[in-house]
Amino acid sequence: LKVRIGPDGILKIETPTQLRDIETEVVVVLQTATVEPLDAN
C-alpha cells in the first residue's frame, strides 16, 4: 500500500482481505517514498 501518515503521526491502514474471523500476524515495514527532485518548472 501507499499511504500518507497524518500530521498527528498516526498510520491508519484499512484494507479488505479474503480472511475472515481468524487470528493472524501482520508485519508492517515503513519506508519513506523516494521523490525525484524537480526543477523550478
All heavy atoms as atom14 arrays in JSON, in Angstrom:
{
  "sequence": "LKVRIGPDGILKIETPTQLRDIETEVVVVLQTATVEPLDAN",
  "atom14_mask": [
    [1, 1, 1, 1, 1, 1, 1, 1, 0, 0, 0, 0, 0, 0],
    [1, 1, 1, 1, 1, 1, 1, 1, 1, 0, 0, 0, 0, 0],
    [1, 1, 1, 1, 1, 1, 1, 0, 0, 0, 0, 0, 0, 0],
    [1, 1, 1, 1, 1, 1, 1, 1, 1, 1, 1, 0, 0, 0],
    [1, 1, 1, 1, 1, 1, 1, 1, 0, 0, 0, 0, 0, 0],
    [1, 1, 1, 1, 0, 0, 0, 0, 0, 0, 0, 0, 0, 0],
    [1, 1, 1, 1, 1, 1, 1, 0, 0, 0, 0, 0, 0, 0],
    [1, 1, 1, 1, 1, 1, 1, 1, 0, 0, 0, 0, 0, 0],
    [1, 1, 1, 1, 0, 0, 0, 0, 0, 0, 0, 0, 0, 0],
    [1, 1, 1, 1, 1, 1, 1, 1, 0, 0, 0, 0, 0, 0],
    [1, 1, 1, 1, 1, 1, 1, 1, 0, 0, 0, 0, 0, 0],
    [1, 1, 1, 1, 1, 1, 1, 1, 1, 0, 0, 0, 0, 0],
    [1, 1, 1, 1, 1, 1, 1, 1, 0, 0, 0, 0, 0, 0],
    [1, 1, 1, 1, 1, 1, 1, 1, 1, 0, 0, 0, 0, 0],
    [1, 1, 1, 1, 1, 1, 1, 0, 0, 0, 0, 0, 0, 0],
    [1, 1, 1, 1, 1, 1, 1, 0, 0, 0, 0, 0, 0, 0],
    [1, 1, 1, 1, 1, 1, 1, 0, 0, 0, 0, 0, 0, 0],
    [1, 1, 1, 1, 1, 1, 1, 1, 1, 0, 0, 0, 0, 0],
    [1, 1, 1, 1, 1, 1, 1, 1, 0, 0, 0, 0, 0, 0],
    [1, 1, 1, 1, 1, 1, 1, 1, 1, 1, 1, 0, 0, 0],
    [1, 1, 1, 1, 1, 1, 1, 1, 0, 0, 0, 0, 0, 0],
    [1, 1, 1, 1, 1, 1, 1, 1, 0, 0, 0, 0, 0, 0],
    [1, 1, 1, 1, 1, 1, 1, 1, 1, 0, 0, 0, 0, 0],
    [1, 1, 1, 1, 1, 1, 1, 0, 0, 0, 0, 0, 0, 0],
    [1, 1, 1, 1, 1, 1, 1, 1, 1, 0, 0, 0, 0, 0],
    [1, 1, 1, 1, 1, 1, 1, 0, 0, 0, 0, 0, 0, 0],
    [1, 1, 1, 1, 1, 1, 1, 0, 0, 0, 0, 0, 0, 0],
    [1, 1, 1, 1, 1, 1, 1, 0, 0, 0, 0, 0, 0, 0],
    [1, 1, 1, 1, 1, 1, 1, 0, 0, 0, 0, 0, 0, 0],
    [1, 1, 1, 1, 1, 1, 1, 1, 0, 0, 0, 0, 0, 0],
    [1, 1, 1, 1, 1, 1, 1, 1, 1, 0, 0, 0, 0, 0],
    [1, 1, 1, 1, 1, 1, 1, 0, 0, 0, 0, 0, 0, 0],
    [1, 1, 1, 1, 1, 0, 0, 0, 0, 0, 0, 0, 0, 0],
    [1, 1, 1, 1, 1, 1, 1, 0, 0, 0, 0, 0, 0, 0],
    [1, 1, 1, 1, 1, 1, 1, 0, 0, 0, 0, 0, 0, 0],
    [1, 1, 1, 1, 1, 1, 1, 1, 1, 0, 0, 0, 0, 0],
    [1, 1, 1, 1, 1, 1, 1, 0, 0, 0, 0, 0, 0, 0],
    [1, 1, 1, 1, 1, 1, 1, 1, 0, 0, 0, 0, 0, 0],
    [1, 1, 1, 1, 1, 1, 1, 1, 0, 0, 0, 0, 0, 0],
    [1, 1, 1, 1, 1, 0, 0, 0, 0, 0, 0, 0, 0, 0],
    [1, 1, 1, 1, 1, 1, 1, 1, 0, 0, 0, 0, 0, 0]
  ],
  "atom14_positions": [
    [[0.83, -1.2, 0.0], [0.0, 0.0, 0.0], [0.87, 1.25, 0.0], [1.96, 1.24, 0.54], [-0.88, 0.04, 1.26], [-1.79, -1.14, 1.53], [-2.36, -1.04, 2.93], [-2.89, -1.18, 0.5], [0.0, 0.0, 0.0], [0.0, 0.0, 0.0], [0.0, 0.0, 0.0], [0.0, 0.0, 0.0], [0.0, 0.0, 0.0], [0.0, 0.0, 0.0]],
    [[0.36, 2.31, -0.59], [0.98, 3.62, -0.46], [0.03, 4.43, 0.4], [-1.13, 4.62, 0.05], [1.13, 4.26, -1.84], [2.46, 4.87, -2.07], [2.57, 5.42, -3.45], [3.97, 5.16, -3.93], [4.27, 5.83, -5.14], [0.0, 0.0, 0.0], [0.0, 0.0, 0.0], [0.0, 0.0, 0.0], [0.0, 0.0, 0.0], [0.0, 0.0, 0.0]],
    [[0.49, 4.86, 1.56], [-0.37, 5.59, 2.49], [0.29, 6.88, 2.91], [1.5, 7.06, 2.73], [-0.68, 4.73, 3.75], [-1.44, 3.48, 3.38], [0.57, 4.37, 4.5], [0.0, 0.0, 0.0], [0.0, 0.0, 0.0], [0.0, 0.0, 0.0], [0.0, 0.0, 0.0], [0.0, 0.0, 0.0], [0.0, 0.0, 0.0], [0.0, 0.0, 0.0]],
    [[-0.49, 7.77, 3.46], [0.03, 9.02, 3.98], [-0.21, 9.03, 5.49], [-1.33, 8.79, 5.93], [-0.66, 10.21, 3.33], [-0.13, 11.54, 3.8], [-0.49, 12.62, 2.79], [0.23, 13.83, 2.98], [1.48, 14.06, 2.61], [2.17, 13.09, 2.07], [2.05, 15.22, 2.78], [0.0, 0.0, 0.0], [0.0, 0.0, 0.0], [0.0, 0.0, 0.0]],
    [[0.84, 9.31, 6.22], [0.72, 9.42, 7.67], [0.3, 10.84, 7.97], [0.88, 11.8, 7.48], [2.06, 9.08, 8.35], [2.45, 7.64, 8.03], [1.97, 9.3, 9.85], [3.81, 7.22, 8.54], [0.0, 0.0, 0.0], [0.0, 0.0, 0.0], [0.0, 0.0, 0.0], [0.0, 0.0, 0.0], [0.0, 0.0, 0.0], [0.0, 0.0, 0.0]],
    [[-0.74, 10.98, 8.76], [-1.31, 12.28, 9.08], [-0.39, 13.12, 9.95], [0.61, 12.63, 10.49], [0.0, 0.0, 0.0], [0.0, 0.0, 0.0], [0.0, 0.0, 0.0], [0.0, 0.0, 0.0], [0.0, 0.0, 0.0], [0.0, 0.0, 0.0], [0.0, 0.0, 0.0], [0.0, 0.0, 0.0], [0.0, 0.0, 0.0], [0.0, 0.0, 0.0]],
    [[-0.71, 14.39, 10.12], [0.12, 15.28, 10.92], [0.19, 14.85, 12.39], [1.09, 15.26, 13.11], [-0.54, 16.65, 10.77], [-1.9, 16.39, 10.24], [-1.86, 15.07, 9.55], [0.0, 0.0, 0.0], [0.0, 0.0, 0.0], [0.0, 0.0, 0.0], [0.0, 0.0, 0.0], [0.0, 0.0, 0.0], [0.0, 0.0, 0.0], [0.0, 0.0, 0.0]],
    [[-0.74, 14.0, 12.81], [-0.71, 13.51, 14.19], [0.27, 12.35, 14.37], [0.49, 11.87, 15.47], [-2.1, 13.09, 14.63], [-2.73, 12.05, 13.7], [-2.07, 11.64, 12.73], [-3.88, 11.67, 13.96], [0.0, 0.0, 0.0], [0.0, 0.0, 0.0], [0.0, 0.0, 0.0], [0.0, 0.0, 0.0], [0.0, 0.0, 0.0], [0.0, 0.0, 0.0]],
    [[0.89, 11.88, 13.26], [1.86, 10.8, 13.32], [1.25, 9.42, 13.42], [1.95, 8.45, 13.66], [0.0, 0.0, 0.0], [0.0, 0.0, 0.0], [0.0, 0.0, 0.0], [0.0, 0.0, 0.0], [0.0, 0.0, 0.0], [0.0, 0.0, 0.0], [0.0, 0.0, 0.0], [0.0, 0.0, 0.0], [0.0, 0.0, 0.0], [0.0, 0.0, 0.0]],
    [[-0.05, 9.3, 13.18], [-0.73, 8.02, 13.28], [-0.95, 7.44, 11.88], [-1.48, 8.11, 10.99], [-2.07, 8.16, 14.02], [-1.81, 8.59, 15.47], [-2.84, 6.85, 13.98], [-3.05, 8.85, 16.26], [0.0, 0.0, 0.0], [0.0, 0.0, 0.0], [0.0, 0.0, 0.0], [0.0, 0.0, 0.0], [0.0, 0.0, 0.0], [0.0, 0.0, 0.0]],
    [[-0.53, 6.21, 11.7], [-0.72, 5.49, 10.45], [-2.01, 4.7, 10.55], [-2.17, 3.88, 11.46], [0.46, 4.54, 10.19], [0.3, 3.55, 9.05], [0.18, 4.27, 7.73], [1.47, 2.59, 9.04], [0.0, 0.0, 0.0], [0.0, 0.0, 0.0], [0.0, 0.0, 0.0], [0.0, 0.0, 0.0], [0.0, 0.0, 0.0], [0.0, 0.0, 0.0]],
    [[-2.92, 4.93, 9.64], [-4.19, 4.21, 9.62], [-4.24, 3.35, 8.37], [-4.1, 3.86, 7.26], [-5.36, 5.18, 9.65], [-5.39, 6.04, 10.89], [-6.47, 7.08, 10.82], [-6.34, 8.01, 12.01], [-7.15, 9.2, 11.85], [0.0, 0.0, 0.0], [0.0, 0.0, 0.0], [0.0, 0.0, 0.0], [0.0, 0.0, 0.0], [0.0, 0.0, 0.0]],
    [[-4.43, 2.06, 8.54], [-4.5, 1.13, 7.41], [-5.85, 0.44, 7.44], [-6.2, -0.21, 8.42], [-3.37, 0.08, 7.48], [-2.02, 0.77, 7.45], [-3.51, -0.9, 6.34], [-0.86, -0.18, 7.65], [0.0, 0.0, 0.0], [0.0, 0.0, 0.0], [0.0, 0.0, 0.0], [0.0, 0.0, 0.0], [0.0, 0.0, 0.0], [0.0, 0.0, 0.0]],
    [[-6.59, 0.57, 6.37], [-7.84, -0.14, 6.2], [-7.81, -0.78, 4.83], [-7.74, -0.08, 3.82], [-9.03, 0.81, 6.31], [-9.25, 1.37, 7.7], [-10.5, 2.24, 7.78], [-11.43, 2.04, 6.98], [-10.52, 3.11, 8.65], [0.0, 0.0, 0.0], [0.0, 0.0, 0.0], [0.0, 0.0, 0.0], [0.0, 0.0, 0.0], [0.0, 0.0, 0.0]],
    [[-7.83, -2.1, 4.79], [-7.81, -2.79, 3.52], [-8.6, -4.08, 3.63], [-8.49, -4.8, 4.63], [-6.37, -3.05, 3.05], [-6.4, -3.68, 1.77], [-5.61, -3.92, 4.01], [0.0, 0.0, 0.0], [0.0, 0.0, 0.0], [0.0, 0.0, 0.0], [0.0, 0.0, 0.0], [0.0, 0.0, 0.0], [0.0, 0.0, 0.0], [0.0, 0.0, 0.0]],
    [[-9.41, -4.39, 2.64], [-10.17, -5.65, 2.7], [-9.26, -6.84, 2.4], [-8.28, -6.72, 1.66], [-11.21, -5.48, 1.59], [-10.62, -4.49, 0.65], [-9.74, -3.6, 1.48], [0.0, 0.0, 0.0], [0.0, 0.0, 0.0], [0.0, 0.0, 0.0], [0.0, 0.0, 0.0], [0.0, 0.0, 0.0], [0.0, 0.0, 0.0], [0.0, 0.0, 0.0]],
    [[-9.54, -7.97, 3.01], [-8.8, -9.2, 2.75], [-9.8, -10.33, 2.54], [-11.0, -10.19, 2.8], [-7.87, -9.57, 3.91], [-8.66, -9.92, 5.03], [-6.93, -8.44, 4.26], [0.0, 0.0, 0.0], [0.0, 0.0, 0.0], [0.0, 0.0, 0.0], [0.0, 0.0, 0.0], [0.0, 0.0, 0.0], [0.0, 0.0, 0.0], [0.0, 0.0, 0.0]],
    [[-9.29, -11.45, 2.09], [-10.11, -12.65, 1.93], [-10.28, -13.37, 3.26], [-11.1, -14.26, 3.39], [-9.46, -13.59, 0.9], [-9.28, -12.96, -0.46], [-10.61, -12.61, -1.12], [-11.6, -13.3, -0.91], [-10.62, -11.53, -1.88], [0.0, 0.0, 0.0], [0.0, 0.0, 0.0], [0.0, 0.0, 0.0], [0.0, 0.0, 0.0], [0.0, 0.0, 0.0]],
    [[-9.49, -12.99, 4.26], [-9.51, -13.66, 5.56], [-10.68, -13.17, 6.39], [-10.99, -11.98, 6.39], [-8.2, -13.42, 6.3], [-6.93, -13.78, 5.52], [-5.7, -13.35, 6.29], [-6.89, -15.27, 5.22], [0.0, 0.0, 0.0], [0.0, 0.0, 0.0], [0.0, 0.0, 0.0], [0.0, 0.0, 0.0], [0.0, 0.0, 0.0], [0.0, 0.0, 0.0]],
    [[-11.31, -14.08, 7.14], [-12.45, -13.7, 7.97], [-12.35, -14.4, 9.33], [-12.06, -15.59, 9.39], [-13.78, -14.14, 7.34], [-14.04, -13.56, 5.96], [-14.76, -12.21, 6.1], [-15.29, -11.76, 4.84], [-14.65, -10.96, 4.0], [-13.45, -10.56, 4.27], [-15.2, -10.56, 2.89], [0.0, 0.0, 0.0], [0.0, 0.0, 0.0], [0.0, 0.0, 0.0]],
    [[-12.57, -13.68, 10.39], [-12.73, -14.22, 11.73], [-11.61, -15.19, 12.13], [-11.87, -16.3, 12.59], [-14.11, -14.91, 11.83], [-14.51, -15.12, 13.27], [-14.08, -14.32, 14.13], [-15.24, -16.08, 13.55], [0.0, 0.0, 0.0], [0.0, 0.0, 0.0], [0.0, 0.0, 0.0], [0.0, 0.0, 0.0], [0.0, 0.0, 0.0], [0.0, 0.0, 0.0]],
    [[-10.36, -14.79, 11.89], [-9.22, -15.6, 12.3], [-8.17, -14.7, 12.92], [-8.14, -13.49, 12.68], [-8.59, -16.39, 11.12], [-8.0, -15.45, 10.09], [-9.58, -17.32, 10.49], [-7.12, -16.14, 9.08], [0.0, 0.0, 0.0], [0.0, 0.0, 0.0], [0.0, 0.0, 0.0], [0.0, 0.0, 0.0], [0.0, 0.0, 0.0], [0.0, 0.0, 0.0]],
    [[-7.29, -15.29, 13.68], [-6.17, -14.56, 14.25], [-5.03, -14.66, 13.24], [-4.76, -15.73, 12.69], [-5.75, -15.19, 15.58], [-4.77, -14.34, 16.33], [-4.57, -14.86, 17.74], [-5.59, -15.1, 18.43], [-3.41, -15.03, 18.12], [0.0, 0.0, 0.0], [0.0, 0.0, 0.0], [0.0, 0.0, 0.0], [0.0, 0.0, 0.0], [0.0, 0.0, 0.0]],
    [[-4.36, -13.55, 12.99], [-3.29, -13.54, 12.0], [-2.15, -12.64, 12.48], [-2.32, -11.85, 13.4], [-3.82, -13.07, 10.63], [-2.79, -13.17, 9.66], [-4.3, -11.63, 10.68], [0.0, 0.0, 0.0], [0.0, 0.0, 0.0], [0.0, 0.0, 0.0], [0.0, 0.0, 0.0], [0.0, 0.0, 0.0], [0.0, 0.0, 0.0], [0.0, 0.0, 0.0]],
    [[-1.01, -12.77, 11.85], [0.14, -11.95, 12.17], [0.36, -10.98, 11.01], [0.31, -11.36, 9.86], [1.37, -12.84, 12.33], [2.61, -12.11, 12.76], [3.75, -13.08, 13.01], [3.63, -13.94, 13.89], [4.76, -12.97, 12.3], [0.0, 0.0, 0.0], [0.0, 0.0, 0.0], [0.0, 0.0, 0.0], [0.0, 0.0, 0.0], [0.0, 0.0, 0.0]],
    [[0.6, -9.71, 11.36], [0.79, -8.67, 10.35], [2.16, -8.05, 10.56], [2.54, -7.72, 11.68], [-0.3, -7.59, 10.46], [-0.05, -6.46, 9.46], [-1.67, -8.2, 10.25], [0.0, 0.0, 0.0], [0.0, 0.0, 0.0], [0.0, 0.0, 0.0], [0.0, 0.0, 0.0], [0.0, 0.0, 0.0], [0.0, 0.0, 0.0], [0.0, 0.0, 0.0]],
    [[2.92, -7.89, 9.46], [4.22, -7.24, 9.51], [4.11, -5.93, 8.75], [3.69, -5.92, 7.6], [5.32, -8.13, 8.88], [6.65, -7.41, 8.89], [5.4, -9.46, 9.6], [0.0, 0.0, 0.0], [0.0, 0.0, 0.0], [0.0, 0.0, 0.0], [0.0, 0.0, 0.0], [0.0, 0.0, 0.0], [0.0, 0.0, 0.0], [0.0, 0.0, 0.0]],
    [[4.5, -4.83, 9.37], [4.46, -3.52, 8.72], [5.88, -3.01, 8.61], [6.62, -2.95, 9.59], [3.61, -2.52, 9.54], [3.64, -1.14, 8.91], [2.19, -3.03, 9.67], [0.0, 0.0, 0.0], [0.0, 0.0, 0.0], [0.0, 0.0, 0.0], [0.0, 0.0, 0.0], [0.0, 0.0, 0.0], [0.0, 0.0, 0.0], [0.0, 0.0, 0.0]],
    [[6.3, -2.67, 7.39], [7.62, -2.1, 7.14], [7.4, -0.68, 6.64], [6.77, -0.46, 5.62], [8.39, -2.92, 6.07], [9.74, -2.29, 5.79], [8.54, -4.37, 6.51], [0.0, 0.0, 0.0], [0.0, 0.0, 0.0], [0.0, 0.0, 0.0], [0.0, 0.0, 0.0], [0.0, 0.0, 0.0], [0.0, 0.0, 0.0], [0.0, 0.0, 0.0]],
    [[7.92, 0.28, 7.37], [7.8, 1.69, 6.96], [9.03, 2.08, 6.15], [10.15, 1.9, 6.58], [7.67, 2.6, 8.17], [6.4, 2.44, 9.0], [6.44, 3.38, 10.19], [5.18, 2.69, 8.16], [0.0, 0.0, 0.0], [0.0, 0.0, 0.0], [0.0, 0.0, 0.0], [0.0, 0.0, 0.0], [0.0, 0.0, 0.0], [0.0, 0.0, 0.0]],
    [[8.78, 2.59, 4.95], [9.86, 3.05, 4.08], [9.38, 4.32, 3.42], [8.35, 4.32, 2.75], [10.18, 1.99, 3.03], [11.26, 2.41, 2.07], [11.58, 1.29, 1.08], [11.22, 0.15, 1.29], [12.25, 1.65, 0.02], [0.0, 0.0, 0.0], [0.0, 0.0, 0.0], [0.0, 0.0, 0.0], [0.0, 0.0, 0.0], [0.0, 0.0, 0.0]],
    [[10.09, 5.4, 3.63], [9.65, 6.67, 3.03], [9.76, 6.58, 1.51], [10.66, 5.94, 0.97], [10.51, 7.85, 3.54], [11.87, 7.59, 3.23], [10.35, 8.04, 5.02], [0.0, 0.0, 0.0], [0.0, 0.0, 0.0], [0.0, 0.0, 0.0], [0.0, 0.0, 0.0], [0.0, 0.0, 0.0], [0.0, 0.0, 0.0], [0.0, 0.0, 0.0]],
    [[8.8, 7.2, 0.86], [8.77, 7.19, -0.6], [9.9, 8.08, -1.12], [10.12, 9.17, -0.61], [7.42, 7.7, -1.1], [0.0, 0.0, 0.0], [0.0, 0.0, 0.0], [0.0, 0.0, 0.0], [0.0, 0.0, 0.0], [0.0, 0.0, 0.0], [0.0, 0.0, 0.0], [0.0, 0.0, 0.0], [0.0, 0.0, 0.0], [0.0, 0.0, 0.0]],
    [[10.59, 7.59, -2.13], [11.64, 8.41, -2.74], [10.99, 9.31, -3.77], [10.26, 8.86, -4.65], [12.71, 7.55, -3.41], [12.08, 6.69, -4.37], [13.42, 6.69, -2.39], [0.0, 0.0, 0.0], [0.0, 0.0, 0.0], [0.0, 0.0, 0.0], [0.0, 0.0, 0.0], [0.0, 0.0, 0.0], [0.0, 0.0, 0.0], [0.0, 0.0, 0.0]],
    [[11.22, 10.58, -3.63], [10.65, 11.57, -4.54], [11.78, 12.17, -5.35], [12.75, 12.69, -4.79], [9.91, 12.67, -3.76], [9.35, 13.71, -4.7], [8.82, 12.06, -2.89], [0.0, 0.0, 0.0], [0.0, 0.0, 0.0], [0.0, 0.0, 0.0], [0.0, 0.0, 0.0], [0.0, 0.0, 0.0], [0.0, 0.0, 0.0], [0.0, 0.0, 0.0]],
    [[11.66, 12.05, -6.66], [12.69, 12.61, -7.54], [12.61, 14.13, -7.49], [11.52, 14.7, -7.63], [12.46, 12.11, -8.97], [13.56, 12.47, -9.91], [13.36, 11.84, -11.29], [12.69, 10.82, -11.39], [13.88, 12.42, -12.25], [0.0, 0.0, 0.0], [0.0, 0.0, 0.0], [0.0, 0.0, 0.0], [0.0, 0.0, 0.0], [0.0, 0.0, 0.0]],
    [[13.74, 14.8, -7.3], [13.71, 16.27, -7.24], [13.32, 16.86, -8.59], [13.62, 16.29, -9.65], [15.15, 16.64, -6.88], [15.97, 15.48, -7.32], [15.08, 14.27, -7.2], [0.0, 0.0, 0.0], [0.0, 0.0, 0.0], [0.0, 0.0, 0.0], [0.0, 0.0, 0.0], [0.0, 0.0, 0.0], [0.0, 0.0, 0.0], [0.0, 0.0, 0.0]],
    [[12.62, 17.98, -8.56], [12.19, 18.65, -9.78], [12.8, 20.04, -9.83], [13.14, 20.62, -8.81], [10.66, 18.77, -9.8], [9.88, 17.45, -9.7], [8.39, 17.74, -9.64], [10.2, 16.54, -10.85], [0.0, 0.0, 0.0], [0.0, 0.0, 0.0], [0.0, 0.0, 0.0], [0.0, 0.0, 0.0], [0.0, 0.0, 0.0], [0.0, 0.0, 0.0]],
    [[12.95, 20.56, -11.07], [13.48, 21.91, -11.19], [12.36, 22.92, -10.93], [11.24, 22.55, -10.58], [14.15, 22.12, -12.56], [13.18, 22.07, -13.73], [11.95, 22.07, -13.5], [13.64, 22.03, -14.87], [0.0, 0.0, 0.0], [0.0, 0.0, 0.0], [0.0, 0.0, 0.0], [0.0, 0.0, 0.0], [0.0, 0.0, 0.0], [0.0, 0.0, 0.0]],
    [[12.64, 24.2, -11.13], [11.67, 25.25, -10.83], [10.41, 25.14, -11.69], [9.35, 25.62, -11.31], [12.32, 26.61, -11.02], [0.0, 0.0, 0.0], [0.0, 0.0, 0.0], [0.0, 0.0, 0.0], [0.0, 0.0, 0.0], [0.0, 0.0, 0.0], [0.0, 0.0, 0.0], [0.0, 0.0, 0.0], [0.0, 0.0, 0.0], [0.0, 0.0, 0.0]],
    [[10.52, 24.5, -12.87], [9.38, 24.36, -13.77], [8.64, 23.04, -13.59], [7.71, 22.74, -14.32], [9.83, 24.51, -15.22], [10.35, 25.89, -15.5], [9.77, 26.89, -15.06], [11.45, 25.99, -16.22], [0.0, 0.0, 0.0], [0.0, 0.0, 0.0], [0.0, 0.0, 0.0], [0.0, 0.0, 0.0], [0.0, 0.0, 0.0], [0.0, 0.0, 0.0]]
  ]
}
